[in-house]
Amino acid sequence: MSFSHGPYYQLLILLLHIHIKFRSVVWLDSIFNWRVSRIVTIRWRQWFVSGWRLHYNRRLVDWWLLNLWWLVDWWLLNLWWLVHWWLLNLWWLDILSIFNWRVSRIVTIRWRQWFVSGWRLHYNRRLVDWWLLNLWWLVDWWLLNLWWLVDWWLLNLWWLVDWWLLNLGWLVDWWLLKLWRLVFWEWLLYLRRLRIRWLRHILRTFVVICERGSG
């Protein structure tokens, strides 16, 4: 058997295929996130802030866009990880099926050569094949159950962490909104008191000037 058709060559091709797929997925992910963030940020700022020249209004719109952007970004991140995780599971299932096929082929041929060498009866060959088939399906079924159990546990853990981060994010967002309104309201009250004091001072000065002029 030549090297180009051996199991090591097939394993090398499989590892190279996995590496190329993983690198392409990471590269596309980075380009997608950078392009979407740049386009959406520039377009939304041009759309909302065009014509507004006050510093307070610009800051308020920026703060609102930041919250909205983080919400959309967090949702896209969750959706992306969900699709990514599903593709990863599908990919590993594909790799597992290829690996099972290769190992079953190699093991069946080698075990048949080892067990059946010297056995010429048709019954003995069928018995060994049946025993190997039962053993192989038992190991395969156990690996499948173990894989789905780990997969289900990771899914529950991921949704638990996701739900906790969602609650924490909304709690921090709500607290910042309350704090922002409190600071803004106190600032308006301060400006109102300051304006009343200035008006009283101007009126008092005007009355004093009028009294001196009349006297």
C-alpha atoms as a PDB file:
ATOM      1  CA  MET A   1       0.000   0.000   0.000  1.00  0.00           C
ATOM      2  CA  SER A   2       1.460   3.349  -1.035  1.00  0.00           C
ATOM      3  CA  PHE A   3       1.702   6.358   1.276  1.00  0.00           C
ATOM      4  CA  SER A   4      -0.834   8.351  -0.779  1.00  0.00           C
ATOM      5  CA  HIS A   5      -3.564   5.835   0.077  1.00  0.00           C
ATOM      6  CA  GLY A   6      -2.553   5.063   3.648  1.00  0.00           C
ATOM      7  CA  PRO A   7      -4.308   6.104   6.868  1.00  0.00           C
ATOM      8  CA  TYR A   8      -1.623   8.677   7.782  1.00  0.00           C
ATOM      9  CA  TYR A   9      -2.098  10.454   4.482  1.00  0.00           C
ATOM     10  CA  GLN A  10      -5.873  10.549   4.987  1.00  0.00           C
ATOM     11  CA  LEU A  11      -5.394  11.883   8.533  1.00  0.00           C
ATOM     12  CA  LEU A  12      -3.023  14.595   7.258  1.00  0.00           C
ATOM     13  CA  ILE A  13      -5.555  15.687   4.620  1.00  0.00           C
ATOM     14  CA  LEU A  14      -8.317  15.760   7.258  1.00  0.00           C
ATOM     15  CA  LEU A  15      -6.264  17.939   9.652  1.00  0.00           C
ATOM     16  CA  LEU A  16      -5.349  20.319   6.827  1.00  0.00           C
ATOM     17  CA  HIS A  17      -9.025  20.601   5.868  1.00  0.00           C
ATOM     18  CA  ILE A  18     -10.005  21.371   9.478  1.00  0.00           C
ATOM     19  CA  HIS A  19      -7.293  24.052   9.756  1.00  0.00           C
ATOM     20  CA  ILE A  20      -8.372  25.787   6.534  1.00  0.00           C
ATOM     21  CA  LYS A  21     -12.041  25.768   7.570  1.00  0.00           C
ATOM     22  CA  PHE A  22     -11.306  27.175  11.019  1.00  0.00           C
ATOM     23  CA  ARG A  23      -9.057  29.941   9.690  1.00  0.00           C
ATOM     24  CA  SER A  24     -11.630  30.958   7.064  1.00  0.00           C
ATOM     25  CA  VAL A  25     -14.437  31.141   9.659  1.00  0.00           C
ATOM     26  CA  VAL A  26     -12.347  33.319  12.032  1.00  0.00           C
ATOM     27  CA  TRP A  27     -11.260  35.598   9.182  1.00  0.00           C
ATOM     28  CA  LEU A  28     -14.826  36.090   7.913  1.00  0.00           C
ATOM     29  CA  ASP A  29     -16.038  36.733  11.469  1.00  0.00           C
ATOM     30  CA  SER A  30     -13.499  39.537  12.033  1.00  0.00           C
ATOM     31  CA  ILE A  31     -14.225  41.207   8.676  1.00  0.00           C
ATOM     32  CA  PHE A  32     -18.011  41.032   9.245  1.00  0.00           C
ATOM     33  CA  ASN A  33     -17.843  42.553  12.740  1.00  0.00           C
ATOM     34  CA  TRP A  34     -15.483  45.370  11.654  1.00  0.00           C
ATOM     35  CA  ARG A  35     -17.473  46.319   8.563  1.00  0.00           C
ATOM     36  CA  VAL A  36     -20.887  46.265  10.252  1.00  0.00           C
ATOM     37  CA  SER A  37     -19.709  48.283  13.262  1.00  0.00           C
ATOM     38  CA  ARG A  38     -18.040  50.921  11.075  1.00  0.00           C
ATOM     39  CA  ILE A  39     -20.953  51.316   8.625  1.00  0.00           C
ATOM     40  CA  VAL A  40     -23.710  51.362  11.260  1.00  0.00           C
ATOM     41  CA  THR A  41     -21.877  53.797  13.559  1.00  0.00           C
ATOM     42  CA  ILE A  42     -21.133  56.293  10.763  1.00  0.00           C
ATOM     43  CA  ARG A  43     -24.592  56.101   9.171  1.00  0.00           C
ATOM     44  CA  TRP A  44     -26.510  56.381  12.445  1.00  0.00           C
ATOM     45  CA  ARG A  45     -24.432  59.315  13.634  1.00  0.00           C
ATOM     46  CA  GLN A  46     -24.918  61.137  10.310  1.00  0.00           C
ATOM     47  CA  TRP A  47     -28.652  60.459  10.425  1.00  0.00           C
ATOM     48  CA  PHE A  48     -29.325  61.450  14.039  1.00  0.00           C
ATOM     49  CA  VAL A  49     -26.799  64.211  14.694  1.00  0.00           C
ATOM     50  CA  SER A  50     -27.180  66.092  11.386  1.00  0.00           C
ATOM     51  CA  GLY A  51     -28.502  69.576  12.172  1.00  0.00           C
ATOM     52  CA  TRP A  52     -28.025  69.307  15.966  1.00  0.00           C
ATOM     53  CA  ARG A  53     -25.409  71.710  17.202  1.00  0.00           C
ATOM     54  CA  LEU A  54     -25.974  71.714  20.962  1.00  0.00           C
ATOM     55  CA  HIS A  55     -23.435  69.840  23.024  1.00  0.00           C
ATOM     56  CA  TYR A  56     -26.034  68.337  25.344  1.00  0.00           C
ATOM     57  CA  ASN A  57     -28.184  66.995  22.514  1.00  0.00           C
ATOM     58  CA  ARG A  58     -25.174  65.416  20.837  1.00  0.00           C
ATOM     59  CA  ARG A  59     -24.091  63.763  24.068  1.00  0.00           C
ATOM     60  CA  LEU A  60     -27.617  62.487  24.709  1.00  0.00           C
ATOM     61  CA  VAL A  61     -27.892  61.012  21.207  1.00  0.00           C
ATOM     62  CA  ASP A  62     -24.428  59.477  21.521  1.00  0.00           C
ATOM     63  CA  TRP A  63     -25.356  57.880  24.843  1.00  0.00           C
ATOM     64  CA  TRP A  64     -28.616  56.536  23.394  1.00  0.00           C
ATOM     65  CA  LEU A  65     -26.838  55.214  20.301  1.00  0.00           C
ATOM     66  CA  LEU A  66     -24.220  53.599  22.503  1.00  0.00           C
ATOM     67  CA  ASN A  67     -26.870  51.724  24.486  1.00  0.00           C
ATOM     68  CA  LEU A  68     -28.752  50.742  21.335  1.00  0.00           C
ATOM     69  CA  TRP A  69     -25.540  49.734  19.590  1.00  0.00           C
ATOM     70  CA  TRP A  70     -24.405  47.576  22.481  1.00  0.00           C
ATOM     71  CA  LEU A  71     -27.833  45.926  22.575  1.00  0.00           C
ATOM     72  CA  VAL A  72     -27.768  45.168  18.826  1.00  0.00           C
ATOM     73  CA  ASP A  73     -24.125  44.099  19.040  1.00  0.00           C
ATOM     74  CA  TRP A  74     -24.839  41.811  21.983  1.00  0.00           C
ATOM     75  CA  TRP A  75     -27.802  40.275  20.149  1.00  0.00           C
ATOM     76  CA  LEU A  76     -25.728  39.751  17.002  1.00  0.00           C
ATOM     77  CA  LEU A  77     -22.974  38.238  19.120  1.00  0.00           C
ATOM     78  CA  ASN A  78     -25.405  35.788  20.703  1.00  0.00           C
ATOM     79  CA  LEU A  79     -26.919  34.941  17.329  1.00  0.00           C
ATOM     80  CA  TRP A  80     -23.468  34.572  15.787  1.00  0.00           C
ATOM     81  CA  TRP A  81     -22.249  32.322  18.592  1.00  0.00           C
ATOM     82  CA  LEU A  82     -25.420  30.246  18.363  1.00  0.00           C
ATOM     83  CA  VAL A  83     -24.954  29.724  14.609  1.00  0.00           C
ATOM     84  CA  HIS A  84     -21.217  29.257  15.118  1.00  0.00           C
ATOM     85  CA  TRP A  85     -21.776  26.721  17.879  1.00  0.00           C
ATOM     86  CA  TRP A  86     -24.315  24.862  15.746  1.00  0.00           C
ATOM     87  CA  LEU A  87     -21.919  24.790  12.788  1.00  0.00           C
ATOM     88  CA  LEU A  88     -19.156  23.628  15.091  1.00  0.00           C
ATOM     89  CA  ASN A  89     -21.334  20.785  16.332  1.00  0.00           C
ATOM     90  CA  LEU A  90     -22.291  19.897  12.775  1.00  0.00           C
ATOM     91  CA  TRP A  91     -18.645  20.079  11.733  1.00  0.00           C
ATOM     92  CA  TRP A  92     -17.510  17.852  14.595  1.00  0.00           C
ATOM     93  CA  LEU A  93     -20.286  15.416  13.782  1.00  0.00           C
ATOM     94  CA  ASP A  94     -19.025  15.328  10.209  1.00  0.00           C
ATOM     95  CA  ILE A  95     -15.457  14.783  11.396  1.00  0.00           C
ATOM     96  CA  LEU A  96     -16.668  12.089  13.772  1.00  0.00           C
ATOM     97  CA  SER A  97     -18.488  10.306  10.949  1.00  0.00           C
ATOM     98  CA  ILE A  98     -15.390  10.472   8.710  1.00  0.00           C
ATOM     99  CA  PHE A  99     -13.229   9.269  11.576  1.00  0.00           C
ATOM    100  CA  ASN A 100     -15.654   6.442  12.362  1.00  0.00           C
ATOM    101  CA  TRP A 101     -15.696   5.389   8.729  1.00  0.00           C
ATOM    102  CA  ARG A 102     -11.901   5.391   8.442  1.00  0.00           C
ATOM    103  CA  VAL A 103     -11.345   3.623  11.758  1.00  0.00           C
ATOM    104  CA  SER A 104     -14.074   1.081  11.078  1.00  0.00           C
ATOM    105  CA  ARG A 105     -12.567   0.334   7.668  1.00  0.00           C
ATOM    106  CA  ILE A 106      -9.022   0.001   9.015  1.00  0.00           C
ATOM    107  CA  VAL A 107     -10.045  -1.956  12.114  1.00  0.00           C
ATOM    108  CA  THR A 108     -12.371  -4.252  10.200  1.00  0.00           C
ATOM    109  CA  ILE A 109      -9.722  -5.087   7.608  1.00  0.00           C
ATOM    110  CA  ARG A 110      -6.926  -5.534  10.167  1.00  0.00           C
ATOM    111  CA  TRP A 111      -9.057  -7.558  12.593  1.00  0.00           C
ATOM    112  CA  ARG A 112     -10.361  -9.685   9.776  1.00  0.00           C
ATOM    113  CA  GLN A 113      -6.796 -10.361   8.655  1.00  0.00           C
ATOM    114  CA  TRP A 114      -5.790 -11.134  12.229  1.00  0.00           C
ATOM    115  CA  PHE A 115      -8.785 -13.250  13.240  1.00  0.00           C
ATOM    116  CA  VAL A 116      -9.661 -14.947  10.006  1.00  0.00           C
ATOM    117  CA  SER A 117      -6.126 -15.759   8.865  1.00  0.00           C
ATOM    118  CA  GLY A 118      -6.082 -19.496   8.435  1.00  0.00           C
ATOM    119  CA  TRP A 119      -9.884 -19.822   8.807  1.00  0.00           C
ATOM    120  CA  ARG A 120     -11.460 -21.027   5.638  1.00  0.00           C
ATOM    121  CA  LEU A 121     -14.961 -21.896   6.792  1.00  0.00           C
ATOM    122  CA  HIS A 122     -17.774 -19.545   5.808  1.00  0.00           C
ATOM    123  CA  TYR A 123     -19.443 -19.870   9.215  1.00  0.00           C
ATOM    124  CA  ASN A 124     -16.343 -18.799  11.155  1.00  0.00           C
ATOM    125  CA  ARG A 125     -15.864 -15.717   8.981  1.00  0.00           C
ATOM    126  CA  ARG A 126     -19.503 -14.691   9.448  1.00  0.00           C
ATOM    127  CA  LEU A 127     -19.230 -15.193  13.221  1.00  0.00           C
ATOM    128  CA  VAL A 128     -16.168 -12.943  13.508  1.00  0.00           C
ATOM    129  CA  ASP A 129     -17.813 -10.279  11.341  1.00  0.00           C
ATOM    130  CA  TRP A 130     -20.960 -10.350  13.476  1.00  0.00           C
ATOM    131  CA  TRP A 131     -18.930 -10.054  16.702  1.00  0.00           C
ATOM    132  CA  LEU A 132     -16.892  -7.124  15.354  1.00  0.00           C
ATOM    133  CA  LEU A 133     -20.059  -5.405  14.135  1.00  0.00           C
ATOM    134  CA  ASN A 134     -21.724  -5.673  17.550  1.00  0.00           C
ATOM    135  CA  LEU A 135     -18.622  -4.448  19.348  1.00  0.00           C
ATOM    136  CA  TRP A 136     -18.190  -1.530  16.960  1.00  0.00           C
ATOM    137  CA  TRP A 137     -21.824  -0.412  17.236  1.00  0.00           C
ATOM    138  CA  LEU A 138     -21.654  -0.648  21.022  1.00  0.00           C
ATOM    139  CA  VAL A 139     -18.584   1.636  21.193  1.00  0.00           C
ATOM    140  CA  ASP A 140     -20.107   3.991  18.615  1.00  0.00           C
ATOM    141  CA  TRP A 141     -23.410   4.225  20.507  1.00  0.00           C
ATOM    142  CA  TRP A 142     -21.571   4.925  23.775  1.00  0.00           C
ATOM    143  CA  LEU A 143     -19.510   7.708  22.157  1.00  0.00           C
ATOM    144  CA  LEU A 144     -22.667   9.188  20.639  1.00  0.00           C
ATOM    145  CA  ASN A 145     -24.447   9.223  24.002  1.00  0.00           C
ATOM    146  CA  LEU A 146     -21.414  10.732  25.715  1.00  0.00           C
ATOM    147  CA  TRP A 147     -21.107  13.389  23.006  1.00  0.00           C
ATOM    148  CA  TRP A 148     -24.757  14.394  23.208  1.00  0.00           C
ATOM    149  CA  LEU A 149     -24.601  14.489  27.007  1.00  0.00           C
ATOM    150  CA  VAL A 150     -21.603  16.857  26.981  1.00  0.00           C
ATOM    151  CA  ASP A 151     -23.266  18.873  24.220  1.00  0.00           C
ATOM    152  CA  TRP A 152     -26.505  19.223  26.188  1.00  0.00           C
ATOM    153  CA  TRP A 153     -24.614  20.223  29.338  1.00  0.00           C
ATOM    154  CA  LEU A 154     -22.647  22.892  27.463  1.00  0.00           C
ATOM    155  CA  LEU A 155     -25.876  24.197  25.925  1.00  0.00           C
ATOM    156  CA  ASN A 156     -27.527  24.530  29.345  1.00  0.00           C
ATOM    157  CA  LEU A 157     -24.433  26.185  30.799  1.00  0.00           C
ATOM    158  CA  TRP A 158     -24.246  28.609  27.871  1.00  0.00           C
ATOM    159  CA  TRP A 159     -27.892  29.624  28.159  1.00  0.00           C
ATOM    160  CA  LEU A 160     -27.510  30.065  31.922  1.00  0.00           C
ATOM    161  CA  VAL A 161     -24.508  32.386  31.513  1.00  0.00           C
ATOM    162  CA  ASP A 162     -26.305  34.162  28.666  1.00  0.00           C
ATOM    163  CA  TRP A 163     -29.413  34.758  30.790  1.00  0.00           C
ATOM    164  CA  TRP A 164     -27.307  36.019  33.702  1.00  0.00           C
ATOM    165  CA  LEU A 165     -25.422  38.447  31.449  1.00  0.00           C
ATOM    166  CA  LEU A 166     -28.733  39.672  30.012  1.00  0.00           C
ATOM    167  CA  ASN A 167     -30.109  40.402  33.476  1.00  0.00           C
ATOM    168  CA  LEU A 168     -26.857  42.066  34.526  1.00  0.00           C
ATOM    169  CA  GLY A 169     -26.795  44.167  31.351  1.00  0.00           C
ATOM    170  CA  TRP A 170     -30.350  45.384  31.792  1.00  0.00           C
ATOM    171  CA  LEU A 171     -29.723  46.104  35.481  1.00  0.00           C
ATOM    172  CA  VAL A 172     -26.629  48.208  34.740  1.00  0.00           C
ATOM    173  CA  ASP A 173     -28.453  49.939  31.871  1.00  0.00           C
ATOM    174  CA  TRP A 174     -31.448  50.758  34.079  1.00  0.00           C
ATOM    175  CA  TRP A 175     -29.177  52.049  36.847  1.00  0.00           C
ATOM    176  CA  LEU A 176     -27.251  54.278  34.421  1.00  0.00           C
ATOM    177  CA  LEU A 177     -30.531  55.628  33.058  1.00  0.00           C
ATOM    178  CA  LYS A 178     -31.729  56.483  36.565  1.00  0.00           C
ATOM    179  CA  LEU A 179     -28.394  58.085  37.413  1.00  0.00           C
ATOM    180  CA  TRP A 180     -28.396  60.073  34.179  1.00  0.00           C
ATOM    181  CA  ARG A 181     -31.910  61.390  34.801  1.00  0.00           C
ATOM    182  CA  LEU A 182     -31.052  62.268  38.387  1.00  0.00           C
ATOM    183  CA  VAL A 183     -27.940  64.221  37.372  1.00  0.00           C
ATOM    184  CA  PHE A 184     -29.784  65.937  34.531  1.00  0.00           C
ATOM    185  CA  TRP A 185     -32.703  66.905  36.789  1.00  0.00           C
ATOM    186  CA  GLU A 186     -30.379  68.262  39.487  1.00  0.00           C
ATOM    187  CA  TRP A 187     -28.493  70.245  36.847  1.00  0.00           C
ATOM    188  CA  LEU A 188     -31.734  71.806  35.574  1.00  0.00           C
ATOM    189  CA  LEU A 189     -32.773  72.730  39.112  1.00  0.00           C
ATOM    190  CA  TYR A 190     -29.366  74.280  39.722  1.00  0.00           C
ATOM    191  CA  LEU A 191     -29.610  76.333  36.525  1.00  0.00           C
ATOM    192  CA  ARG A 192     -33.092  77.453  37.491  1.00  0.00           C
ATOM    193  CA  ARG A 193     -31.966  78.590  40.944  1.00  0.00           C
ATOM    194  CA  LEU A 194     -28.958  80.334  39.423  1.00  0.00           C
ATOM    195  CA  ARG A 195     -31.147  82.117  36.897  1.00  0.00           C
ATOM    196  CA  ILE A 196     -33.566  83.284  39.631  1.00  0.00           C
ATOM    197  CA  ARG A 197     -30.650  84.637  41.682  1.00  0.00           C
ATOM    198  CA  TRP A 198     -29.290  86.512  38.694  1.00  0.00           C
ATOM    199  CA  LEU A 199     -32.701  87.985  37.935  1.00  0.00           C
ATOM    200  CA  ARG A 200     -33.090  89.121  41.547  1.00  0.00           C
ATOM    201  CA  HIS A 201     -29.621  90.659  41.487  1.00  0.00           C
ATOM    202  CA  ILE A 202     -30.355  92.472  38.208  1.00  0.00           C
ATOM    203  CA  LEU A 203     -33.696  93.783  39.516  1.00  0.00           C
ATOM    204  CA  ARG A 204     -32.129  94.899  42.780  1.00  0.00           C
ATOM    205  CA  THR A 205     -29.356  96.703  40.913  1.00  0.00           C
ATOM    206  CA  PHE A 206     -31.884  98.325  38.602  1.00  0.00           C
ATOM    207  CA  VAL A 207     -33.973  99.532  41.574  1.00  0.00           C
ATOM    208  CA  VAL A 208     -30.882 100.975  43.282  1.00  0.00           C
ATOM    209  CA  ILE A 209     -29.843 102.796  40.101  1.00  0.00           C
ATOM    210  CA  CYS A 210     -33.347 104.187  39.652  1.00  0.00           C
ATOM    211  CA  GLU A 211     -33.490 105.396  43.278  1.00  0.00           C
ATOM    212  CA  ARG A 212     -30.122 107.114  42.969  1.00  0.00           C
ATOM    213  CA  GLY A 213     -31.142 108.707  39.679  1.00  0.00           C
ATOM    214  CA  SER A 214     -34.392 110.022  41.102  1.00  0.00           C
ATOM    215  CA  GLY A 215     -32.745 111.235  44.283  1.00  0.00           C
END
